[in-house]
Every structure is written in C-alpha cells, then in structure tokens.
Amino acid sequence: MYELQFKYDFKTFGGKPKRDIEKIPECKINYYQVENDSVFISVMCIDKEIAEKLKHYFAIRFELFPSKEISAT
C-alpha cells in the first residue's frame, strides 16, 4: 500500500479532487479534513503503479503534487 497526502485550497478546487479519487476503485480516502478553506486529504493506493498514476493525473488536472508519500508495505 502507498499513501499520498495532498493539501490544497478549497476555494480553488472545491470537492473535485476528492470526487475524482472516489471514482478510482484501487484508491481509498484514508483521511479528509477541511479547515479555513484548506483541504488535507490522505489517499491509500493498492500499489506503487496506481499511486504514480494518481500523482500524474493530479499534476495534469489540478497542478497538485503530493506533500508527502509513504510506502506502507
């Protein structure tokens, strides 16, 4: 399992990143918090390949990059 953590501004993206993650069956939202228009989201992916695809998708679609990556094997 791989964990990716993202932090972004809710005013800019709203709930779009969260909804996109929910559509991916190989990923699960581990933690989601909105505080003062800042969103912190932690995503668990089943393997490194899926995590890399999610990182690439977020970079292209939202120009978001993970603030932290953890390999939880």
PDB file of N, CA and C in Angstrom:
ATOM      1  N   MET A   1       0.848  -1.182   0.000  1.00  0.00           N
ATOM      2  CA  MET A   1       0.000   0.000   0.000  1.00  0.00           C
ATOM      3  C   MET A   1       0.893   1.245   0.000  1.00  0.00           C
ATOM      4  N   TYR A   2       0.417   2.259  -0.677  1.00  0.00           N
ATOM      5  CA  TYR A   2       1.117   3.535  -0.747  1.00  0.00           C
ATOM      6  C   TYR A   2       0.166   4.640  -0.322  1.00  0.00           C
ATOM      7  N   GLU A   3       0.672   5.541   0.491  1.00  0.00           N
ATOM      8  CA  GLU A   3      -0.135   6.660   0.951  1.00  0.00           C
ATOM      9  C   GLU A   3       0.392   7.945   0.319  1.00  0.00           C
ATOM     10  N   LEU A   4      -0.524   8.717  -0.247  1.00  0.00           N
ATOM     11  CA  LEU A   4      -0.213  10.022  -0.801  1.00  0.00           C
ATOM     12  C   LEU A   4      -1.021  11.058  -0.033  1.00  0.00           C
ATOM     13  N   GLN A   5      -0.370  12.139   0.350  1.00  0.00           N
ATOM     14  CA  GLN A   5      -1.057  13.202   1.062  1.00  0.00           C
ATOM     15  C   GLN A   5      -1.011  14.470   0.219  1.00  0.00           C
ATOM     16  N   PHE A   6      -2.165  15.082   0.073  1.00  0.00           N
ATOM     17  CA  PHE A   6      -2.284  16.316  -0.703  1.00  0.00           C
ATOM     18  C   PHE A   6      -2.870  17.406   0.169  1.00  0.00           C
ATOM     19  N   LYS A   7      -2.459  18.628  -0.101  1.00  0.00           N
ATOM     20  CA  LYS A   7      -3.018  19.790   0.576  1.00  0.00           C
ATOM     21  C   LYS A   7      -3.320  20.822  -0.502  1.00  0.00           C
ATOM     22  N   TYR A   8      -4.549  21.377  -0.477  1.00  0.00           N
ATOM     23  CA  TYR A   8      -4.932  22.357  -1.496  1.00  0.00           C
ATOM     24  C   TYR A   8      -5.969  23.315  -0.942  1.00  0.00           C
ATOM     25  N   ASP A   9      -6.237  24.361  -1.711  1.00  0.00           N
ATOM     26  CA  ASP A   9      -7.187  25.398  -1.333  1.00  0.00           C
ATOM     27  C   ASP A   9      -8.591  25.011  -1.803  1.00  0.00           C
ATOM     28  N   PHE A  10      -9.534  24.948  -0.880  1.00  0.00           N
ATOM     29  CA  PHE A  10     -10.896  24.549  -1.207  1.00  0.00           C
ATOM     30  C   PHE A  10     -11.558  25.549  -2.151  1.00  0.00           C
ATOM     31  N   LYS A  11     -11.255  26.847  -2.002  1.00  0.00           N
ATOM     32  CA  LYS A  11     -11.859  27.865  -2.870  1.00  0.00           C
ATOM     33  C   LYS A  11     -11.464  27.656  -4.329  1.00  0.00           C
ATOM     34  N   THR A  12     -10.275  27.132  -4.549  1.00  0.00           N
ATOM     35  CA  THR A  12      -9.786  26.926  -5.913  1.00  0.00           C
ATOM     36  C   THR A  12     -10.389  25.686  -6.559  1.00  0.00           C
ATOM     37  N   PHE A  13     -10.382  24.560  -5.835  1.00  0.00           N
ATOM     38  CA  PHE A  13     -10.784  23.281  -6.432  1.00  0.00           C
ATOM     39  C   PHE A  13     -12.091  22.708  -5.901  1.00  0.00           C
ATOM     40  N   GLY A  14     -12.579  23.199  -4.782  1.00  0.00           N
ATOM     41  CA  GLY A  14     -13.795  22.645  -4.199  1.00  0.00           C
ATOM     42  C   GLY A  14     -13.606  21.180  -3.839  1.00  0.00           C
ATOM     43  N   GLY A  15     -14.601  20.364  -4.115  1.00  0.00           N
ATOM     44  CA  GLY A  15     -14.529  18.937  -3.803  1.00  0.00           C
ATOM     45  C   GLY A  15     -14.124  18.071  -4.982  1.00  0.00           C
ATOM     46  N   LYS A  16     -13.676  18.694  -6.084  1.00  0.00           N
ATOM     47  CA  LYS A  16     -13.350  17.943  -7.297  1.00  0.00           C
ATOM     48  C   LYS A  16     -12.272  16.879  -7.085  1.00  0.00           C
ATOM     49  N   PRO A  17     -11.145  17.207  -6.445  1.00  0.00           N
ATOM     50  CA  PRO A  17     -10.132  16.156  -6.251  1.00  0.00           C
ATOM     51  C   PRO A  17     -10.661  14.958  -5.450  1.00  0.00           C
ATOM     52  N   LYS A  18     -11.428  15.228  -4.411  1.00  0.00           N
ATOM     53  CA  LYS A  18     -11.992  14.143  -3.591  1.00  0.00           C
ATOM     54  C   LYS A  18     -12.929  13.274  -4.424  1.00  0.00           C
ATOM     55  N   ARG A  19     -13.791  13.898  -5.202  1.00  0.00           N
ATOM     56  CA  ARG A  19     -14.728  13.137  -6.035  1.00  0.00           C
ATOM     57  C   ARG A  19     -13.989  12.301  -7.080  1.00  0.00           C
ATOM     58  N   ASP A  20     -12.910  12.844  -7.633  1.00  0.00           N
ATOM     59  CA  ASP A  20     -12.125  12.082  -8.606  1.00  0.00           C
ATOM     60  C   ASP A  20     -11.484  10.860  -7.962  1.00  0.00           C
ATOM     61  N   ILE A  21     -10.980  11.007  -6.757  1.00  0.00           N
ATOM     62  CA  ILE A  21     -10.362   9.874  -6.046  1.00  0.00           C
ATOM     63  C   ILE A  21     -11.400   8.799  -5.749  1.00  0.00           C
ATOM     64  N   GLU A  22     -12.597   9.221  -5.371  1.00  0.00           N
ATOM     65  CA  GLU A  22     -13.656   8.261  -5.043  1.00  0.00           C
ATOM     66  C   GLU A  22     -14.054   7.399  -6.241  1.00  0.00           C
ATOM     67  N   LYS A  23     -13.761   7.832  -7.447  1.00  0.00           N
ATOM     68  CA  LYS A  23     -14.089   7.073  -8.654  1.00  0.00           C
ATOM     69  C   LYS A  23     -13.049   5.998  -8.971  1.00  0.00           C
ATOM     70  N   ILE A  24     -11.919   6.003  -8.262  1.00  0.00           N
ATOM     71  CA  ILE A  24     -10.840   5.053  -8.531  1.00  0.00           C
ATOM     72  C   ILE A  24     -10.962   3.891  -7.548  1.00  0.00           C
ATOM     73  N   PRO A  25     -11.327   2.694  -8.003  1.00  0.00           N
ATOM     74  CA  PRO A  25     -11.539   1.580  -7.069  1.00  0.00           C
ATOM     75  C   PRO A  25     -10.261   1.110  -6.372  1.00  0.00           C
ATOM     76  N   GLU A  26      -9.092   1.390  -6.954  1.00  0.00           N
ATOM     77  CA  GLU A  26      -7.831   0.945  -6.353  1.00  0.00           C
ATOM     78  C   GLU A  26      -7.303   1.916  -5.297  1.00  0.00           C
ATOM     79  N   CYS A  27      -8.020   3.018  -5.076  1.00  0.00           N
ATOM     80  CA  CYS A  27      -7.621   4.018  -4.083  1.00  0.00           C
ATOM     81  C   CYS A  27      -8.750   4.232  -3.079  1.00  0.00           C
ATOM     82  N   LYS A  28      -8.348   4.535  -1.857  1.00  0.00           N
ATOM     83  CA  LYS A  28      -9.322   4.771  -0.789  1.00  0.00           C
ATOM     84  C   LYS A  28      -8.897   6.021  -0.021  1.00  0.00           C
ATOM     85  N   ILE A  29      -9.849   6.873   0.281  1.00  0.00           N
ATOM     86  CA  ILE A  29      -9.548   8.060   1.074  1.00  0.00           C
ATOM     87  C   ILE A  29      -9.395   7.619   2.519  1.00  0.00           C
ATOM     88  N   ASN A  30      -8.219   7.861   3.049  1.00  0.00           N
ATOM     89  CA  ASN A  30      -7.893   7.470   4.415  1.00  0.00           C
ATOM     90  C   ASN A  30      -8.289   8.566   5.402  1.00  0.00           C
ATOM     91  N   TYR A  31      -8.134   9.821   4.984  1.00  0.00           N
ATOM     92  CA  TYR A  31      -8.397  10.957   5.864  1.00  0.00           C
ATOM     93  C   TYR A  31      -8.749  12.159   5.001  1.00  0.00           C
ATOM     94  N   TYR A  32      -9.745  12.946   5.432  1.00  0.00           N
ATOM     95  CA  TYR A  32     -10.154  14.138   4.702  1.00  0.00           C
ATOM     96  C   TYR A  32     -10.556  15.197   5.714  1.00  0.00           C
ATOM     97  N   GLN A  33      -9.925  16.365   5.617  1.00  0.00           N
ATOM     98  CA  GLN A  33     -10.232  17.441   6.557  1.00  0.00           C
ATOM     99  C   GLN A  33     -10.234  18.777   5.828  1.00  0.00           C
ATOM    100  N   VAL A  34     -11.244  19.601   6.100  1.00  0.00           N
ATOM    101  CA  VAL A  34     -11.313  20.959   5.574  1.00  0.00           C
ATOM    102  C   VAL A  34     -11.283  21.898   6.767  1.00  0.00           C
ATOM    103  N   GLU A  35     -10.319  22.823   6.734  1.00  0.00           N
ATOM    104  CA  GLU A  35     -10.200  23.782   7.829  1.00  0.00           C
ATOM    105  C   GLU A  35      -9.754  25.118   7.251  1.00  0.00           C
ATOM    106  N   ASN A  36     -10.550  26.154   7.466  1.00  0.00           N
ATOM    107  CA  ASN A  36     -10.232  27.500   6.966  1.00  0.00           C
ATOM    108  C   ASN A  36      -9.914  27.491   5.466  1.00  0.00           C
ATOM    109  N   ASP A  37     -10.725  26.821   4.702  1.00  0.00           N
ATOM    110  CA  ASP A  37     -10.588  26.724   3.243  1.00  0.00           C
ATOM    111  C   ASP A  37      -9.343  25.968   2.784  1.00  0.00           C
ATOM    112  N   SER A  38      -8.635  25.309   3.682  1.00  0.00           N
ATOM    113  CA  SER A  38      -7.526  24.430   3.310  1.00  0.00           C
ATOM    114  C   SER A  38      -7.994  22.992   3.445  1.00  0.00           C
ATOM    115  N   VAL A  39      -7.686  22.196   2.454  1.00  0.00           N
ATOM    116  CA  VAL A  39      -8.076  20.787   2.463  1.00  0.00           C
ATOM    117  C   VAL A  39      -6.828  19.931   2.614  1.00  0.00           C
ATOM    118  N   PHE A  40      -6.915  18.980   3.537  1.00  0.00           N
ATOM    119  CA  PHE A  40      -5.875  17.977   3.688  1.00  0.00           C
ATOM    120  C   PHE A  40      -6.524  16.634   3.395  1.00  0.00           C
ATOM    121  N   ILE A  41      -5.948  15.898   2.453  1.00  0.00           N
ATOM    122  CA  ILE A  41      -6.510  14.603   2.089  1.00  0.00           C
ATOM    123  C   ILE A  41      -5.391  13.570   2.016  1.00  0.00           C
ATOM    124  N   SER A  42      -5.647  12.427   2.611  1.00  0.00           N
ATOM    125  CA  SER A  42      -4.709  11.311   2.605  1.00  0.00           C
ATOM    126  C   SER A  42      -5.363  10.164   1.839  1.00  0.00           C
ATOM    127  N   VAL A  43      -4.624   9.625   0.857  1.00  0.00           N
ATOM    128  CA  VAL A  43      -5.162   8.599  -0.031  1.00  0.00           C
ATOM    129  C   VAL A  43      -4.291   7.350   0.043  1.00  0.00           C
ATOM    130  N   MET A  44      -4.921   6.197   0.203  1.00  0.00           N
ATOM    131  CA  MET A  44      -4.212   4.916   0.186  1.00  0.00           C
ATOM    132  C   MET A  44      -4.439   4.273  -1.176  1.00  0.00           C
ATOM    133  N   CYS A  45      -3.336   3.895  -1.835  1.00  0.00           N
ATOM    134  CA  CYS A  45      -3.392   3.214  -3.133  1.00  0.00           C
ATOM    135  C   CYS A  45      -2.864   1.797  -2.961  1.00  0.00           C
ATOM    136  N   ILE A  46      -3.400   0.857  -3.744  1.00  0.00           N
ATOM    137  CA  ILE A  46      -3.047  -0.547  -3.530  1.00  0.00           C
ATOM    138  C   ILE A  46      -1.606  -0.878  -3.902  1.00  0.00           C
ATOM    139  N   ASP A  47      -1.023  -0.127  -4.848  1.00  0.00           N
ATOM    140  CA  ASP A  47       0.375  -0.386  -5.205  1.00  0.00           C
ATOM    141  C   ASP A  47       1.023   0.880  -5.761  1.00  0.00           C
ATOM    142  N   LYS A  48       2.324   0.781  -6.009  1.00  0.00           N
ATOM    143  CA  LYS A  48       3.090   1.947  -6.458  1.00  0.00           C
ATOM    144  C   LYS A  48       2.634   2.426  -7.830  1.00  0.00           C
ATOM    145  N   GLU A  49       2.277   1.510  -8.707  1.00  0.00           N
ATOM    146  CA  GLU A  49       1.839   1.880 -10.051  1.00  0.00           C
ATOM    147  C   GLU A  49       0.587   2.759 -10.011  1.00  0.00           C
ATOM    148  N   ILE A  50      -0.381   2.383  -9.205  1.00  0.00           N
ATOM    149  CA  ILE A  50      -1.614   3.175  -9.068  1.00  0.00           C
ATOM    150  C   ILE A  50      -1.292   4.525  -8.444  1.00  0.00           C
ATOM    151  N   ALA A  51      -0.422   4.546  -7.446  1.00  0.00           N
ATOM    152  CA  ALA A  51      -0.028   5.806  -6.810  1.00  0.00           C
ATOM    153  C   ALA A  51       0.626   6.743  -7.821  1.00  0.00           C
ATOM    154  N   GLU A  52       1.479   6.207  -8.673  1.00  0.00           N
ATOM    155  CA  GLU A  52       2.142   7.020  -9.691  1.00  0.00           C
ATOM    156  C   GLU A  52       1.125   7.572 -10.701  1.00  0.00           C
ATOM    157  N   LYS A  53       0.147   6.760 -11.071  1.00  0.00           N
ATOM    158  CA  LYS A  53      -0.899   7.218 -11.995  1.00  0.00           C
ATOM    159  C   LYS A  53      -1.725   8.343 -11.365  1.00  0.00           C
ATOM    160  N   LEU A  54      -2.048   8.202 -10.068  1.00  0.00           N
ATOM    161  CA  LEU A  54      -2.810   9.237  -9.377  1.00  0.00           C
ATOM    162  C   LEU A  54      -1.991  10.531  -9.295  1.00  0.00           C
ATOM    163  N   LYS A  55      -0.719  10.421  -8.973  1.00  0.00           N
ATOM    164  CA  LYS A  55       0.152  11.600  -8.920  1.00  0.00           C
ATOM    165  C   LYS A  55       0.199  12.297 -10.277  1.00  0.00           C
ATOM    166  N   HIS A  56       0.350  11.526 -11.327  1.00  0.00           N
ATOM    167  CA  HIS A  56       0.411  12.081 -12.679  1.00  0.00           C
ATOM    168  C   HIS A  56      -0.917  12.767 -13.044  1.00  0.00           C
ATOM    169  N   TYR A  57      -2.024  12.121 -12.747  1.00  0.00           N
ATOM    170  CA  TYR A  57      -3.347  12.680 -13.034  1.00  0.00           C
ATOM    171  C   TYR A  57      -3.557  14.003 -12.289  1.00  0.00           C
ATOM    172  N   PHE A  58      -3.222  14.033 -10.995  1.00  0.00           N
ATOM    173  CA  PHE A  58      -3.402  15.256 -10.208  1.00  0.00           C
ATOM    174  C   PHE A  58      -2.488  16.371 -10.697  1.00  0.00           C
ATOM    175  N   ALA A  59      -1.284  16.021 -11.140  1.00  0.00           N
ATOM    176  CA  ALA A  59      -0.352  17.031 -11.653  1.00  0.00           C
ATOM    177  C   ALA A  59      -0.908  17.675 -12.918  1.00  0.00           C
ATOM    178  N   ILE A  60      -1.497  16.878 -13.790  1.00  0.00           N
ATOM    179  CA  ILE A  60      -2.042  17.403 -15.043  1.00  0.00           C
ATOM    180  C   ILE A  60      -3.372  18.120 -14.828  1.00  0.00           C
ATOM    181  N   ARG A  61      -4.275  17.483 -14.123  1.00  0.00           N
ATOM    182  CA  ARG A  61      -5.640  18.021 -13.974  1.00  0.00           C
ATOM    183  C   ARG A  61      -5.709  19.234 -13.052  1.00  0.00           C
ATOM    184  N   PHE A  62      -5.010  19.175 -11.907  1.00  0.00           N
ATOM    185  CA  PHE A  62      -5.132  20.224 -10.895  1.00  0.00           C
ATOM    186  C   PHE A  62      -3.832  20.973 -10.607  1.00  0.00           C
ATOM    187  N   GLU A  63      -2.729  20.533 -11.198  1.00  0.00           N
ATOM    188  CA  GLU A  63      -1.408  21.058 -10.861  1.00  0.00           C
ATOM    189  C   GLU A  63      -1.136  20.902  -9.368  1.00  0.00           C
ATOM    190  N   LEU A  64      -1.533  19.748  -8.840  1.00  0.00           N
ATOM    191  CA  LEU A  64      -1.305  19.406  -7.427  1.00  0.00           C
ATOM    192  C   LEU A  64      -0.264  18.297  -7.347  1.00  0.00           C
ATOM    193  N   PHE A  65       0.600  18.424  -6.361  1.00  0.00           N
ATOM    194  CA  PHE A  65       1.627  17.421  -6.126  1.00  0.00           C
ATOM    195  C   PHE A  65       1.539  16.986  -4.676  1.00  0.00           C
ATOM    196  N   PRO A  66       1.812  15.716  -4.389  1.00  0.00           N
ATOM    197  CA  PRO A  66       1.695  15.249  -3.008  1.00  0.00           C
ATOM    198  C   PRO A  66       2.673  15.979  -2.086  1.00  0.00           C
ATOM    199  N   SER A  67       2.178  16.331  -0.901  1.00  0.00           N
ATOM    200  CA  SER A  67       3.036  16.953   0.090  1.00  0.00           C
ATOM    201  C   SER A  67       3.856  15.893   0.812  1.00  0.00           C
ATOM    202  N   LYS A  68       3.370  14.642   0.758  1.00  0.00           N
ATOM    203  CA  LYS A  68       4.072  13.545   1.418  1.00  0.00           C
ATOM    204  C   LYS A  68       3.695  12.230   0.749  1.00  0.00           C
ATOM    205  N   GLU A  69       4.688  11.340   0.627  1.00  0.00           N
ATOM    206  CA  GLU A  69       4.466   9.999   0.085  1.00  0.00           C
ATOM    207  C   GLU A  69       5.020   8.991   1.080  1.00  0.00           C
ATOM    208  N   ILE A  70       4.227   7.976   1.387  1.00  0.00           N
ATOM    209  CA  ILE A  70       4.641   6.969   2.354  1.00  0.00           C
ATOM    210  C   ILE A  70       4.390   5.598   1.767  1.00  0.00           C
ATOM    211  N   SER A  71       5.410   4.761   1.798  1.00  0.00           N
ATOM    212  CA  SER A  71       5.254   3.382   1.384  1.00  0.00           C
ATOM    213  C   SER A  71       4.901   2.552   2.606  1.00  0.00           C
ATOM    214  N   ALA A  72       3.678   2.086   2.650  1.00  0.00           N
ATOM    215  CA  ALA A  72       3.194   1.309   3.811  1.00  0.00           C
ATOM    216  C   ALA A  72       3.021  -0.143   3.371  1.00  0.00           C
ATOM    217  N   THR A  73       4.113  -0.885   3.362  1.00  0.00           N
ATOM    218  CA  THR A  73       4.040  -2.281   2.902  1.00  0.00           C
ATOM    219  C   THR A  73       3.742  -3.217   4.031  1.00  0.00           C
TER     220      THR A  73
END
